[in-house]
Structures are given as C-alpha cells and as structure tokens.
Amino acid sequence: MQPLSSSDLVRAWEAGARRHPVDRGVLLLSLLHPDQPLDAVWQWTVGHRNRQLLAFYQQTAGTQMDCMATCRECGQVNEFSVQVHDITFEPPEETVGTWQDGELAIWFRQPNNLDLVSAAMEQDLDKARRLLAQRCITRARHRDRDIDASRLPDPAIVAVGEAIRDQDPQVDLHFDIICAACNSTSSILFDVMAFVWLEINRFAQRTLHEVHLLATAYGWSEADILAMSPPRRQFYLDQLTV
C-alpha cells in the first residue's frame, strides 16, 4: 500500500466529493495501489476492500476509531470506540462457496464493488439486499434442474447472504450497542467506507484551513504548503499565535 501525501489526500477528497460512496472507495484504493488497473480494483471483493480501507485508516489516523450511534428506541447519541485490529479479520481461503438445503443447492461468490453499485440503485433496502445476493449466486439447482436466481424463495436468499457473511465476516460488520440512556441493545451496521471518508473529509478541510492561514500570512502557494511535512507546517502555524 502506497502512503498518500497531504496533497494526495486533498485531491482524493476533492475528486470524491460528488461521487457515490462506492466510487469513492474505488478511487481511494486506486490511489493506494497505483500498480493495480482500475478495472481490477472494481472487481475486488467487499471484504478485501474493507481490509484495505481499515489498513489505510490505521496508517493515516491510528488504531482507534471513535464512533457515534443513535439509539433507535430513545434517540440518544452514544459514543464508543473500537480498535482497528478488533474488526479486521483474516481473508477467507476461498471466495466461492455452496449452500444446500435438502434438494436445493446454491453456488455463490463473494460480492465485489460492482455488485455494490448495482444494489445501490435500489431505493428499497430489502430489494437491494436481495439483488446483491442474486448477483452473487452463480448457480442454483433444485433436484435435476437449474433455477434462475430471481426465482429463488426469500428464505434461500437470506440463507445465502448469511453464508456469504460467514465465509468472510469483513463483508458486513455490525456492532451491538447498549444505550447509555435507556439501556436497550441494538445492532448497527458499521460502514467502513463511510467512516473512512469522514476522516478524509475532516483531514482535507483542516489541511485547507491551514493552507489558508499560511498563504495569508506568508504568501506561499498551496502547492508549497501542502508539500511541507505536517510537523513543519504546524511549526509555522504556531508562529502565527506567538
């Protein structure tokens, strides 16, 4: 993974500001892995994508992730922290698998970035989940005949989704949160890309504010200021308050 400079991160933030979250993830990963063709990055599994994003976060922001979640019961905003290594799982040995129930057998693969884009087109969450599972089904067979994935019953679709998550837990991260106000427990989805993008957004805006202060005070160009190391840039910022 190639480290990104302050200038790289600001450019990534600017380029991804108006993009779909999946596009942002692929954009960021293509910058981190310039040796990989863009088409190949789009084909990366969601689990692999999430591992790479968590590694990038640890490289740039540290091991702790400070999160917030709103209680569904009372609306209380709860704050909690997780460690990157606690939610980073080893990649599966295989990215394909089989689920079987009686005479129904279904073969599946792990979802990739292209599957996420397709599912994101659906406004209804349940339909999106079904479409995502259907795209990952490579074959379905009942007794001696093949079945189109779109004709599979809902329980089978749900079971395949669970089999995909069991094979690679990195695909779908959930936290069980106990509300500090009402003591109710709820399970929340942790969107790795959304969290990482919040960090990029904070970094870019903070950095550009520093550029503004230094450019105003010293007349330096944006490129020259971004080329400075963070400690050097901070030194000059400190001088403005002396």
Foldseek 3Di string as FASTA:
>chain_A
DAQDFLVRLLVLLVVCVPPDLLVSLLSVVCVRCVVDDSVVQQFDFLLVSLLVLLVNCCVPPNFKAWDWDADPPPRDIDIDIDGSVVLRDDAFPAQKDWDDDVQKIWIFGGHGSVLLVVLVVDPDPVSSLLSSLLVGTPWMDGNHDTDRSVPDDPVVSVVSVVVNCVRRVSNWDWDWDQDPPPRDTDIDTDDSSVSSSVVSVVSNVVLVVLLVVCCVVPVDDPVVLSPDDVVVSVVVVVVVVD
